[in-house]
Protein backbone atom coordinates (compact mmCIF):
# COMPACT_ATOMS: atom_id res chain seq x y z
CA MET A 1 -0.16 -0.19 -0.13
CA PRO A 2 1.29 3.42 -1.06
CA GLU A 3 2.55 5.65 1.71
CA ILE A 4 0.28 8.54 2.40
CA VAL A 5 2.11 12.05 2.41
CA GLU A 6 0.08 14.84 3.70
CA ILE A 7 0.94 18.43 1.73
CA PRO A 8 0.01 21.65 3.62
CA ILE A 9 -2.60 23.51 1.93
CA GLU A 10 -0.62 26.61 1.52
CA LEU A 11 1.79 24.77 -0.45
CA THR A 12 -1.10 23.68 -3.15
CA HIS A 13 -1.83 27.27 -3.55
CA PHE A 14 1.88 28.44 -4.43
CA GLN A 15 3.18 29.51 -7.51
CA LEU A 16 6.21 30.93 -9.14
CA PRO A 17 6.49 34.64 -8.50
CA GLN A 18 5.79 36.86 -11.31
CA ALA A 19 9.58 37.83 -11.49
CA VAL A 20 10.59 34.25 -11.82
CA GLN A 21 8.04 33.59 -14.27
CA ALA A 22 8.76 36.32 -16.43
CA ARG A 23 12.73 35.29 -16.16
CA LEU A 24 11.70 31.72 -17.21
CA GLN A 25 9.71 33.19 -20.42
CA SER A 26 12.40 35.20 -21.21
CA LEU A 27 14.95 32.39 -21.26
CA LEU A 28 12.56 30.24 -23.23
CA ASP A 29 11.80 33.15 -25.38
CA ARG A 30 15.40 33.68 -26.28
CA GLN A 31 15.72 29.74 -27.33
CA ASP A 32 12.98 29.75 -29.00
CA GLU A 33 14.12 32.57 -31.11
CA GLY A 34 17.53 30.76 -31.92
CA TYR A 35 19.84 32.43 -29.43
CA THR A 36 22.09 29.94 -27.75
CA LEU A 37 21.81 30.12 -23.87
CA SER A 38 25.01 30.19 -21.89
CA GLN A 39 25.45 26.84 -19.68
CA ALA A 40 24.28 28.85 -16.63
CA GLU A 41 21.08 30.03 -18.44
CA ARG A 42 20.26 26.48 -19.41
CA GLN A 43 20.67 25.25 -16.16
CA GLU A 44 18.61 27.95 -14.74
CA ALA A 45 16.19 27.61 -17.31
CA GLU A 46 15.98 23.71 -16.44
CA GLY A 47 16.07 24.39 -12.72
CA LEU A 48 13.04 26.56 -13.17
CA VAL A 49 11.02 24.44 -15.29
CA GLU A 50 11.40 21.46 -13.12
CA LEU A 51 10.22 23.95 -10.08
CA ALA A 52 7.19 24.79 -12.06
CA GLU A 53 6.36 21.04 -12.66
CA PHE A 54 6.88 20.03 -9.04
CA LEU A 55 4.16 22.78 -8.24
CA SER A 56 1.83 21.71 -10.91
CA LEU A 57 2.17 18.28 -9.67
CA LEU A 58 1.52 19.55 -5.98
CA ARG A 59 -1.69 21.02 -7.24
CA LEU A 60 -2.81 18.21 -9.25
CA ARG A 61 -2.24 15.74 -6.33
CA SER A 62 -4.08 18.05 -3.83
CA THR A 63 -7.04 18.27 -6.02
CA ARG A 64 -7.36 14.54 -6.13
CA VAL A 65 -7.01 14.24 -2.32
CA THR A 66 -9.86 16.76 -1.91
CA LYS A 67 -12.44 15.35 -4.10
């Protein structure tokens, strides 16, 4: 039987701050426009994407639990 992990409700509503979201979008836009990102920029973008995906997963799981 899977272990149940309780997620504080506050975390389920957390989103990337506007400035962080804007930075991620800027990096992704530059990449889409054909600019080569530096290694540091690529790592930053990858980390922000992973964080955004993690937060989405938290929200999805919390929605399932509350139903």
